[in-house]
Amino acid sequence: CHDGFTLQDLVSYQRKHNEANNER
């Protein structure tokens, strides 16, 4: 859904990469 990985990212990333959100 809007909140979380997209389907493409669900199969492409082992961990989140949210650095652009400025919340470390």
mmCIF file of all heavy atoms, coordinates in Angstrom:
data_MODEL
# 
_entry.id   MODEL 
# 
loop_
_atom_site.group_PDB 
_atom_site.id 
_atom_site.type_symbol 
_atom_site.label_atom_id 
_atom_site.label_alt_id 
_atom_site.label_comp_id 
_atom_site.label_asym_id 
_atom_site.label_entity_id 
_atom_site.label_seq_id 
_atom_site.pdbx_PDB_ins_code 
_atom_site.Cartn_x 
_atom_site.Cartn_y 
_atom_site.Cartn_z 
_atom_site.occupancy 
_atom_site.B_iso_or_equiv 
_atom_site.pdbx_formal_charge 
_atom_site.auth_seq_id 
_atom_site.auth_comp_id 
_atom_site.auth_asym_id 
_atom_site.auth_atom_id 
_atom_site.pdbx_PDB_model_num 
ATOM 1   N N   . CYS A 1 1  ? 0.871  -1.176  0.000   1.00 0.00 ? 1  CYS A N   1 
ATOM 2   C CA  . CYS A 1 1  ? 0.000  0.000   0.000   1.00 0.00 ? 1  CYS A CA  1 
ATOM 3   C C   . CYS A 1 1  ? 0.907  1.225   0.000   1.00 0.00 ? 1  CYS A C   1 
ATOM 4   O O   . CYS A 1 1  ? 2.137  1.115   -0.086  1.00 0.00 ? 1  CYS A O   1 
ATOM 5   C CB  . CYS A 1 1  ? -0.939 -0.006  1.197   1.00 0.00 ? 1  CYS A CB  1 
ATOM 6   S SG  . CYS A 1 1  ? -0.105 0.097   2.806   1.00 0.00 ? 1  CYS A SG  1 
ATOM 7   N N   . HIS A 1 2  ? 0.318  2.402   0.117   1.00 0.00 ? 2  HIS A N   1 
ATOM 8   C CA  . HIS A 1 2  ? 1.126  3.625   0.088   1.00 0.00 ? 2  HIS A CA  1 
ATOM 9   C C   . HIS A 1 2  ? 2.178  3.630   1.188   1.00 0.00 ? 2  HIS A C   1 
ATOM 10  O O   . HIS A 1 2  ? 3.251  4.206   1.026   1.00 0.00 ? 2  HIS A O   1 
ATOM 11  C CB  . HIS A 1 2  ? 0.215  4.853   0.237   1.00 0.00 ? 2  HIS A CB  1 
ATOM 12  C CG  . HIS A 1 2  ? -0.386 4.992   1.606   1.00 0.00 ? 2  HIS A CG  1 
ATOM 13  N ND1 . HIS A 1 2  ? -1.543 4.342   1.984   1.00 0.00 ? 2  HIS A ND1 1 
ATOM 14  C CD2 . HIS A 1 2  ? 0.021  5.681   2.701   1.00 0.00 ? 2  HIS A CD2 1 
ATOM 15  C CE1 . HIS A 1 2  ? -1.826 4.636   3.234   1.00 0.00 ? 2  HIS A CE1 1 
ATOM 16  N NE2 . HIS A 1 2  ? -0.897 5.442   3.706   1.00 0.00 ? 2  HIS A NE2 1 
ATOM 17  N N   . ASP A 1 3  ? 1.866  2.998   2.306   1.00 0.00 ? 3  ASP A N   1 
ATOM 18  C CA  . ASP A 1 3  ? 2.730  3.013   3.486   1.00 0.00 ? 3  ASP A CA  1 
ATOM 19  C C   . ASP A 1 3  ? 3.591  1.750   3.483   1.00 0.00 ? 3  ASP A C   1 
ATOM 20  O O   . ASP A 1 3  ? 3.125  0.674   3.828   1.00 0.00 ? 3  ASP A O   1 
ATOM 21  C CB  . ASP A 1 3  ? 1.863  3.083   4.743   1.00 0.00 ? 3  ASP A CB  1 
ATOM 22  C CG  . ASP A 1 3  ? 2.679  3.272   6.005   1.00 0.00 ? 3  ASP A CG  1 
ATOM 23  O OD1 . ASP A 1 3  ? 3.913  3.406   5.901   1.00 0.00 ? 3  ASP A OD1 1 
ATOM 24  O OD2 . ASP A 1 3  ? 2.091  3.286   7.091   1.00 0.00 ? 3  ASP A OD2 1 
ATOM 25  N N   . GLY A 1 4  ? 4.853  1.882   3.085   1.00 0.00 ? 4  GLY A N   1 
ATOM 26  C CA  . GLY A 1 4  ? 5.742  0.730   3.034   1.00 0.00 ? 4  GLY A CA  1 
ATOM 27  C C   . GLY A 1 4  ? 6.442  0.643   1.692   1.00 0.00 ? 4  GLY A C   1 
ATOM 28  O O   . GLY A 1 4  ? 6.383  1.550   0.866   1.00 0.00 ? 4  GLY A O   1 
ATOM 29  N N   . PHE A 1 5  ? 7.105  -0.484  1.467   1.00 0.00 ? 5  PHE A N   1 
ATOM 30  C CA  . PHE A 1 5  ? 7.774  -0.718  0.197   1.00 0.00 ? 5  PHE A CA  1 
ATOM 31  C C   . PHE A 1 5  ? 6.753  -0.829  -0.936  1.00 0.00 ? 5  PHE A C   1 
ATOM 32  O O   . PHE A 1 5  ? 5.656  -1.362  -0.757  1.00 0.00 ? 5  PHE A O   1 
ATOM 33  C CB  . PHE A 1 5  ? 8.574  -2.020  0.240   1.00 0.00 ? 5  PHE A CB  1 
ATOM 34  C CG  . PHE A 1 5  ? 9.923  -1.915  0.893   1.00 0.00 ? 5  PHE A CG  1 
ATOM 35  C CD1 . PHE A 1 5  ? 10.425 -2.975  1.643   1.00 0.00 ? 5  PHE A CD1 1 
ATOM 36  C CD2 . PHE A 1 5  ? 10.702 -0.785  0.743   1.00 0.00 ? 5  PHE A CD2 1 
ATOM 37  C CE1 . PHE A 1 5  ? 11.682 -2.905  2.234   1.00 0.00 ? 5  PHE A CE1 1 
ATOM 38  C CE2 . PHE A 1 5  ? 11.957 -0.699  1.320   1.00 0.00 ? 5  PHE A CE2 1 
ATOM 39  C CZ  . PHE A 1 5  ? 12.448 -1.756  2.081   1.00 0.00 ? 5  PHE A CZ  1 
ATOM 40  N N   . THR A 1 6  ? 7.139  -0.355  -2.125  1.00 0.00 ? 6  THR A N   1 
ATOM 41  C CA  . THR A 1 6  ? 6.399  -0.734  -3.318  1.00 0.00 ? 6  THR A CA  1 
ATOM 42  C C   . THR A 1 6  ? 6.683  -2.205  -3.597  1.00 0.00 ? 6  THR A C   1 
ATOM 43  O O   . THR A 1 6  ? 7.593  -2.803  -3.019  1.00 0.00 ? 6  THR A O   1 
ATOM 44  C CB  . THR A 1 6  ? 6.831  0.104   -4.523  1.00 0.00 ? 6  THR A CB  1 
ATOM 45  O OG1 . THR A 1 6  ? 8.196  -0.223  -4.855  1.00 0.00 ? 6  THR A OG1 1 
ATOM 46  C CG2 . THR A 1 6  ? 6.717  1.597   -4.240  1.00 0.00 ? 6  THR A CG2 1 
ATOM 47  N N   . LEU A 1 7  ? 5.920  -2.792  -4.517  1.00 0.00 ? 7  LEU A N   1 
ATOM 48  C CA  . LEU A 1 7  ? 6.141  -4.202  -4.837  1.00 0.00 ? 7  LEU A CA  1 
ATOM 49  C C   . LEU A 1 7  ? 7.532  -4.412  -5.425  1.00 0.00 ? 7  LEU A C   1 
ATOM 50  O O   . LEU A 1 7  ? 8.214  -5.395  -5.102  1.00 0.00 ? 7  LEU A O   1 
ATOM 51  C CB  . LEU A 1 7  ? 5.065  -4.682  -5.817  1.00 0.00 ? 7  LEU A CB  1 
ATOM 52  C CG  . LEU A 1 7  ? 5.041  -6.181  -6.113  1.00 0.00 ? 7  LEU A CG  1 
ATOM 53  C CD1 . LEU A 1 7  ? 4.846  -6.996  -4.842  1.00 0.00 ? 7  LEU A CD1 1 
ATOM 54  C CD2 . LEU A 1 7  ? 3.942  -6.504  -7.128  1.00 0.00 ? 7  LEU A CD2 1 
ATOM 55  N N   . GLN A 1 8  ? 7.982  -3.503  -6.279  1.00 0.00 ? 8  GLN A N   1 
ATOM 56  C CA  . GLN A 1 8  ? 9.321  -3.607  -6.850  1.00 0.00 ? 8  GLN A CA  1 
ATOM 57  C C   . GLN A 1 8  ? 10.386 -3.533  -5.760  1.00 0.00 ? 8  GLN A C   1 
ATOM 58  O O   . GLN A 1 8  ? 11.361 -4.298  -5.773  1.00 0.00 ? 8  GLN A O   1 
ATOM 59  C CB  . GLN A 1 8  ? 9.545  -2.488  -7.866  1.00 0.00 ? 8  GLN A CB  1 
ATOM 60  C CG  . GLN A 1 8  ? 10.940 -2.450  -8.478  1.00 0.00 ? 8  GLN A CG  1 
ATOM 61  C CD  . GLN A 1 8  ? 11.227 -3.642  -9.378  1.00 0.00 ? 8  GLN A CD  1 
ATOM 62  O OE1 . GLN A 1 8  ? 10.452 -3.953  -10.278 1.00 0.00 ? 8  GLN A OE1 1 
ATOM 63  N NE2 . GLN A 1 8  ? 12.346 -4.314  -9.145  1.00 0.00 ? 8  GLN A NE2 1 
ATOM 64  N N   . ASP A 1 9  ? 10.201 -2.644  -4.814  1.00 0.00 ? 9  ASP A N   1 
ATOM 65  C CA  . ASP A 1 9  ? 11.192 -2.496  -3.747  1.00 0.00 ? 9  ASP A CA  1 
ATOM 66  C C   . ASP A 1 9  ? 11.149 -3.664  -2.769  1.00 0.00 ? 9  ASP A C   1 
ATOM 67  O O   . ASP A 1 9  ? 12.164 -4.007  -2.152  1.00 0.00 ? 9  ASP A O   1 
ATOM 68  C CB  . ASP A 1 9  ? 10.974 -1.182  -2.999  1.00 0.00 ? 9  ASP A CB  1 
ATOM 69  C CG  . ASP A 1 9  ? 11.374 0.029   -3.840  1.00 0.00 ? 9  ASP A CG  1 
ATOM 70  O OD1 . ASP A 1 9  ? 11.919 -0.164  -4.938  1.00 0.00 ? 9  ASP A OD1 1 
ATOM 71  O OD2 . ASP A 1 9  ? 11.131 1.163   -3.387  1.00 0.00 ? 9  ASP A OD2 1 
ATOM 72  N N   . LEU A 1 10 ? 9.979  -4.280  -2.633  1.00 0.00 ? 10 LEU A N   1 
ATOM 73  C CA  . LEU A 1 10 ? 9.847  -5.425  -1.734  1.00 0.00 ? 10 LEU A CA  1 
ATOM 74  C C   . LEU A 1 10 ? 10.751 -6.575  -2.169  1.00 0.00 ? 10 LEU A C   1 
ATOM 75  O O   . LEU A 1 10 ? 11.216 -7.359  -1.341  1.00 0.00 ? 10 LEU A O   1 
ATOM 76  C CB  . LEU A 1 10 ? 8.385  -5.880  -1.698  1.00 0.00 ? 10 LEU A CB  1 
ATOM 77  C CG  . LEU A 1 10 ? 8.001  -6.909  -0.651  1.00 0.00 ? 10 LEU A CG  1 
ATOM 78  C CD1 . LEU A 1 10 ? 8.094  -6.334  0.754   1.00 0.00 ? 10 LEU A CD1 1 
ATOM 79  C CD2 . LEU A 1 10 ? 6.593  -7.437  -0.911  1.00 0.00 ? 10 LEU A CD2 1 
ATOM 80  N N   . VAL A 1 11 ? 11.022 -6.665  -3.467  1.00 0.00 ? 11 VAL A N   1 
ATOM 81  C CA  . VAL A 1 11 ? 11.870 -7.745  -3.968  1.00 0.00 ? 11 VAL A CA  1 
ATOM 82  C C   . VAL A 1 11 ? 13.267 -7.238  -4.339  1.00 0.00 ? 11 VAL A C   1 
ATOM 83  O O   . VAL A 1 11 ? 14.055 -7.993  -4.909  1.00 0.00 ? 11 VAL A O   1 
ATOM 84  C CB  . VAL A 1 11 ? 11.221 -8.434  -5.190  1.00 0.00 ? 11 VAL A CB  1 
ATOM 85  C CG1 . VAL A 1 11 ? 9.850  -8.978  -4.824  1.00 0.00 ? 11 VAL A CG1 1 
ATOM 86  C CG2 . VAL A 1 11 ? 11.118 -7.487  -6.387  1.00 0.00 ? 11 VAL A CG2 1 
ATOM 87  N N   . SER A 1 12 ? 13.567 -5.980  -4.001  1.00 0.00 ? 12 SER A N   1 
ATOM 88  C CA  . SER A 1 12 ? 14.856 -5.387  -4.387  1.00 0.00 ? 12 SER A CA  1 
ATOM 89  C C   . SER A 1 12 ? 15.671 -4.885  -3.205  1.00 0.00 ? 12 SER A C   1 
ATOM 90  O O   . SER A 1 12 ? 16.856 -4.556  -3.373  1.00 0.00 ? 12 SER A O   1 
ATOM 91  C CB  . SER A 1 12 ? 14.626 -4.215  -5.350  1.00 0.00 ? 12 SER A CB  1 
ATOM 92  O OG  . SER A 1 12 ? 13.890 -4.612  -6.480  1.00 0.00 ? 12 SER A OG  1 
ATOM 93  N N   . TYR A 1 13 ? 15.063 -4.806  -2.030  1.00 0.00 ? 13 TYR A N   1 
ATOM 94  C CA  . TYR A 1 13 ? 15.753 -4.237  -0.869  1.00 0.00 ? 13 TYR A CA  1 
ATOM 95  C C   . TYR A 1 13 ? 15.543 -5.118  0.348   1.00 0.00 ? 13 TYR A C   1 
ATOM 96  O O   . TYR A 1 13 ? 14.423 -5.555  0.649   1.00 0.00 ? 13 TYR A O   1 
ATOM 97  C CB  . TYR A 1 13 ? 15.254 -2.822  -0.570  1.00 0.00 ? 13 TYR A CB  1 
ATOM 98  C CG  . TYR A 1 13 ? 15.620 -1.823  -1.647  1.00 0.00 ? 13 TYR A CG  1 
ATOM 99  C CD1 . TYR A 1 13 ? 14.764 -1.586  -2.719  1.00 0.00 ? 13 TYR A CD1 1 
ATOM 100 C CD2 . TYR A 1 13 ? 16.828 -1.130  -1.611  1.00 0.00 ? 13 TYR A CD2 1 
ATOM 101 C CE1 . TYR A 1 13 ? 15.098 -0.686  -3.722  1.00 0.00 ? 13 TYR A CE1 1 
ATOM 102 C CE2 . TYR A 1 13 ? 17.180 -0.227  -2.602  1.00 0.00 ? 13 TYR A CE2 1 
ATOM 103 C CZ  . TYR A 1 13 ? 16.310 -0.017  -3.659  1.00 0.00 ? 13 TYR A CZ  1 
ATOM 104 O OH  . TYR A 1 13 ? 16.648 0.865   -4.649  1.00 0.00 ? 13 TYR A OH  1 
ATOM 105 N N   . GLN A 1 14 ? 16.640 -5.363  1.058   1.00 0.00 ? 14 GLN A N   1 
ATOM 106 C CA  . GLN A 1 14 ? 16.582 -6.145  2.282   1.00 0.00 ? 14 GLN A CA  1 
ATOM 107 C C   . GLN A 1 14 ? 16.228 -5.264  3.473   1.00 0.00 ? 14 GLN A C   1 
ATOM 108 O O   . GLN A 1 14 ? 15.704 -5.743  4.475   1.00 0.00 ? 14 GLN A O   1 
ATOM 109 C CB  . GLN A 1 14 ? 17.942 -6.820  2.534   1.00 0.00 ? 14 GLN A CB  1 
ATOM 110 C CG  . GLN A 1 14 ? 17.876 -8.074  3.378   1.00 0.00 ? 14 GLN A CG  1 
ATOM 111 C CD  . GLN A 1 14 ? 17.368 -9.270  2.576   1.00 0.00 ? 14 GLN A CD  1 
ATOM 112 O OE1 . GLN A 1 14 ? 17.493 -9.325  1.370   1.00 0.00 ? 14 GLN A OE1 1 
ATOM 113 N NE2 . GLN A 1 14 ? 16.778 -10.239 3.271   1.00 0.00 ? 14 GLN A NE2 1 
ATOM 114 N N   . ARG A 1 15 ? 16.507 -3.986  3.355   1.00 0.00 ? 15 ARG A N   1 
ATOM 115 C CA  . ARG A 1 15 ? 16.260 -3.051  4.460   1.00 0.00 ? 15 ARG A CA  1 
ATOM 116 C C   . ARG A 1 15 ? 15.801 -1.716  3.878   1.00 0.00 ? 15 ARG A C   1 
ATOM 117 O O   . ARG A 1 15 ? 15.985 -1.427  2.708   1.00 0.00 ? 15 ARG A O   1 
ATOM 118 C CB  . ARG A 1 15 ? 17.531 -2.850  5.293   1.00 0.00 ? 15 ARG A CB  1 
ATOM 119 C CG  . ARG A 1 15 ? 18.700 -2.303  4.501   1.00 0.00 ? 15 ARG A CG  1 
ATOM 120 C CD  . ARG A 1 15 ? 19.988 -2.283  5.322   1.00 0.00 ? 15 ARG A CD  1 
ATOM 121 N NE  . ARG A 1 15 ? 21.087 -1.640  4.600   1.00 0.00 ? 15 ARG A NE  1 
ATOM 122 C CZ  . ARG A 1 15 ? 21.837 -2.228  3.685   1.00 0.00 ? 15 ARG A CZ  1 
ATOM 123 N NH1 . ARG A 1 15 ? 21.598 -3.490  3.373   1.00 0.00 ? 15 ARG A NH1 1 
ATOM 124 N NH2 . ARG A 1 15 ? 22.817 -1.568  3.080   1.00 0.00 ? 15 ARG A NH2 1 
ATOM 125 N N   . LYS A 1 16 ? 15.195 -0.906  4.714   1.00 0.00 ? 16 LYS A N   1 
ATOM 126 C CA  . LYS A 1 16 ? 14.676 0.396   4.277   1.00 0.00 ? 16 LYS A CA  1 
ATOM 127 C C   . LYS A 1 16 ? 15.821 1.381   4.047   1.00 0.00 ? 16 LYS A C   1 
ATOM 128 O O   . LYS A 1 16 ? 16.899 1.274   4.652   1.00 0.00 ? 16 LYS A O   1 
ATOM 129 C CB  . LYS A 1 16 ? 13.724 0.958   5.339   1.00 0.00 ? 16 LYS A CB  1 
ATOM 130 C CG  . LYS A 1 16 ? 14.419 1.274   6.664   1.00 0.00 ? 16 LYS A CG  1 
ATOM 131 C CD  . LYS A 1 16 ? 13.436 1.710   7.729   1.00 0.00 ? 16 LYS A CD  1 
ATOM 132 C CE  . LYS A 1 16 ? 14.198 2.087   9.010   1.00 0.00 ? 16 LYS A CE  1 
ATOM 133 N NZ  . LYS A 1 16 ? 13.302 2.454   10.115  1.00 0.00 ? 16 LYS A NZ  1 
ATOM 134 N N   . HIS A 1 17 ? 15.557 2.363   3.202   1.00 0.00 ? 17 HIS A N   1 
ATOM 135 C CA  . HIS A 1 17 ? 16.530 3.413   2.886   1.00 0.00 ? 17 HIS A CA  1 
ATOM 136 C C   . HIS A 1 17 ? 15.787 4.755   2.898   1.00 0.00 ? 17 HIS A C   1 
ATOM 137 O O   . HIS A 1 17 ? 15.452 5.303   1.849   1.00 0.00 ? 17 HIS A O   1 
ATOM 138 C CB  . HIS A 1 17 ? 17.187 3.153   1.532   1.00 0.00 ? 17 HIS A CB  1 
ATOM 139 C CG  . HIS A 1 17 ? 18.005 1.912   1.488   1.00 0.00 ? 17 HIS A CG  1 
ATOM 140 N ND1 . HIS A 1 17 ? 19.362 1.895   1.746   1.00 0.00 ? 17 HIS A ND1 1 
ATOM 141 C CD2 . HIS A 1 17 ? 17.654 0.617   1.244   1.00 0.00 ? 17 HIS A CD2 1 
ATOM 142 C CE1 . HIS A 1 17 ? 19.815 0.656   1.645   1.00 0.00 ? 17 HIS A CE1 1 
ATOM 143 N NE2 . HIS A 1 17 ? 18.792 -0.134  1.343   1.00 0.00 ? 17 HIS A NE2 1 
ATOM 144 N N   . ASN A 1 18 ? 15.540 5.265   4.090   1.00 0.00 ? 18 ASN A N   1 
ATOM 145 C CA  . ASN A 1 18 ? 14.700 6.452   4.254   1.00 0.00 ? 18 ASN A CA  1 
ATOM 146 C C   . ASN A 1 18 ? 15.501 7.700   4.579   1.00 0.00 ? 18 ASN A C   1 
ATOM 147 O O   . ASN A 1 18 ? 14.965 8.667   5.133   1.00 0.00 ? 18 ASN A O   1 
ATOM 148 C CB  . ASN A 1 18 ? 13.668 6.216   5.373   1.00 0.00 ? 18 ASN A CB  1 
ATOM 149 C CG  . ASN A 1 18 ? 12.717 5.083   5.056   1.00 0.00 ? 18 ASN A CG  1 
ATOM 150 O OD1 . ASN A 1 18 ? 12.767 4.499   3.985   1.00 0.00 ? 18 ASN A OD1 1 
ATOM 151 N ND2 . ASN A 1 18 ? 11.838 4.772   5.989   1.00 0.00 ? 18 ASN A ND2 1 
ATOM 152 N N   . GLU A 1 19 ? 16.769 7.715   4.248   1.00 0.00 ? 19 GLU A N   1 
ATOM 153 C CA  . GLU A 1 19 ? 17.624 8.847   4.627   1.00 0.00 ? 19 GLU A CA  1 
ATOM 154 C C   . GLU A 1 19 ? 17.096 10.182  4.097   1.00 0.00 ? 19 GLU A C   1 
ATOM 155 O O   . GLU A 1 19 ? 17.260 11.223  4.741   1.00 0.00 ? 19 GLU A O   1 
ATOM 156 C CB  . GLU A 1 19 ? 19.043 8.615   4.109   1.00 0.00 ? 19 GLU A CB  1 
ATOM 157 C CG  . GLU A 1 19 ? 19.799 7.489   4.816   1.00 0.00 ? 19 GLU A CG  1 
ATOM 158 C CD  . GLU A 1 19 ? 19.451 6.106   4.295   1.00 0.00 ? 19 GLU A CD  1 
ATOM 159 O OE1 . GLU A 1 19 ? 18.671 6.014   3.304   1.00 0.00 ? 19 GLU A OE1 1 
ATOM 160 O OE2 . GLU A 1 19 ? 19.938 5.114   4.877   1.00 0.00 ? 19 GLU A OE2 1 
ATOM 161 N N   . ALA A 1 20 ? 16.449 10.171  2.944   1.00 0.00 ? 20 ALA A N   1 
ATOM 162 C CA  . ALA A 1 20 ? 15.955 11.419  2.351   1.00 0.00 ? 20 ALA A CA  1 
ATOM 163 C C   . ALA A 1 20 ? 14.874 12.078  3.189   1.00 0.00 ? 20 ALA A C   1 
ATOM 164 O O   . ALA A 1 20 ? 14.555 13.258  2.991   1.00 0.00 ? 20 ALA A O   1 
ATOM 165 C CB  . ALA A 1 20 ? 15.420 11.150  0.943   1.00 0.00 ? 20 ALA A CB  1 
ATOM 166 N N   . ASN A 1 21 ? 14.310 11.359  4.163   1.00 0.00 ? 21 ASN A N   1 
ATOM 167 C CA  . ASN A 1 21 ? 13.260 11.922  5.015   1.00 0.00 ? 21 ASN A CA  1 
ATOM 168 C C   . ASN A 1 21 ? 13.809 12.765  6.157   1.00 0.00 ? 21 ASN A C   1 
ATOM 169 O O   . ASN A 1 21 ? 13.033 13.328  6.950   1.00 0.00 ? 21 ASN A O   1 
ATOM 170 C CB  . ASN A 1 21 ? 12.398 10.798  5.604   1.00 0.00 ? 21 ASN A CB  1 
ATOM 171 C CG  . ASN A 1 21 ? 11.666 10.018  4.540   1.00 0.00 ? 21 ASN A CG  1 
ATOM 172 O OD1 . ASN A 1 21 ? 11.660 10.394  3.367   1.00 0.00 ? 21 ASN A OD1 1 
ATOM 173 N ND2 . ASN A 1 21 ? 11.044 8.918   4.933   1.00 0.00 ? 21 ASN A ND2 1 
ATOM 174 N N   . ASN A 1 22 ? 15.141 12.827  6.281   1.00 0.00 ? 22 ASN A N   1 
ATOM 175 C CA  . ASN A 1 22 ? 15.786 13.639  7.323   1.00 0.00 ? 22 ASN A CA  1 
ATOM 176 C C   . ASN A 1 22 ? 15.445 13.192  8.740   1.00 0.00 ? 22 ASN A C   1 
ATOM 177 O O   . ASN A 1 22 ? 15.354 14.004  9.661   1.00 0.00 ? 22 ASN A O   1 
ATOM 178 C CB  . ASN A 1 22 ? 15.430 15.129  7.159   1.00 0.00 ? 22 ASN A CB  1 
ATOM 179 C CG  . ASN A 1 22 ? 15.983 15.714  5.877   1.00 0.00 ? 22 ASN A CG  1 
ATOM 180 O OD1 . ASN A 1 22 ? 16.918 15.178  5.284   1.00 0.00 ? 22 ASN A OD1 1 
ATOM 181 N ND2 . ASN A 1 22 ? 15.399 16.823  5.427   1.00 0.00 ? 22 ASN A ND2 1 
ATOM 182 N N   . GLU A 1 23 ? 15.245 11.886  8.907   1.00 0.00 ? 23 GLU A N   1 
ATOM 183 C CA  . GLU A 1 23 ? 14.973 11.356  10.243  1.00 0.00 ? 23 GLU A CA  1 
ATOM 184 C C   . GLU A 1 23 ? 15.983 10.269  10.605  1.00 0.00 ? 23 GLU A C   1 
ATOM 185 O O   . GLU A 1 23 ? 15.683 9.375   11.399  1.00 0.00 ? 23 GLU A O   1 
ATOM 186 C CB  . GLU A 1 23 ? 13.536 10.822  10.331  1.00 0.00 ? 23 GLU A CB  1 
ATOM 187 C CG  . GLU A 1 23 ? 12.472 11.893  10.083  1.00 0.00 ? 23 GLU A CG  1 
ATOM 188 C CD  . GLU A 1 23 ? 11.054 11.373  10.226  1.00 0.00 ? 23 GLU A CD  1 
ATOM 189 O OE1 . GLU A 1 23 ? 10.807 10.608  11.198  1.00 0.00 ? 23 GLU A OE1 1 
ATOM 190 O OE2 . GLU A 1 23 ? 10.204 11.711  9.397   1.00 0.00 ? 23 GLU A OE2 1 
ATOM 191 N N   . ARG A 1 24 ? 17.170 10.354  10.011  1.00 0.00 ? 24 ARG A N   1 
ATOM 192 C CA  . ARG A 1 24 ? 18.281 9.447   10.294  1.00 0.00 ? 24 ARG A CA  1 
ATOM 193 C C   . ARG A 1 24 ? 17.891 7.979   10.066  1.00 0.00 ? 24 ARG A C   1 
ATOM 194 O O   . ARG A 1 24 ? 18.346 7.088   10.753  1.00 0.00 ? 24 ARG A O   1 
ATOM 195 C CB  . ARG A 1 24 ? 18.800 9.656   11.733  1.00 0.00 ? 24 ARG A CB  1 
ATOM 196 C CG  . ARG A 1 24 ? 19.302 11.066  11.993  1.00 0.00 ? 24 ARG A CG  1 
ATOM 197 C CD  . ARG A 1 24 ? 19.912 11.212  13.377  1.00 0.00 ? 24 ARG A CD  1 
ATOM 198 N NE  . ARG A 1 24 ? 18.963 10.859  14.415  1.00 0.00 ? 24 ARG A NE  1 
ATOM 199 C CZ  . ARG A 1 24 ? 18.021 11.679  14.886  1.00 0.00 ? 24 ARG A CZ  1 
ATOM 200 N NH1 . ARG A 1 24 ? 17.911 12.905  14.390  1.00 0.00 ? 24 ARG A NH1 1 
ATOM 201 N NH2 . ARG A 1 24 ? 17.203 11.290  15.833  1.00 0.00 ? 24 ARG A NH2 1 
# 
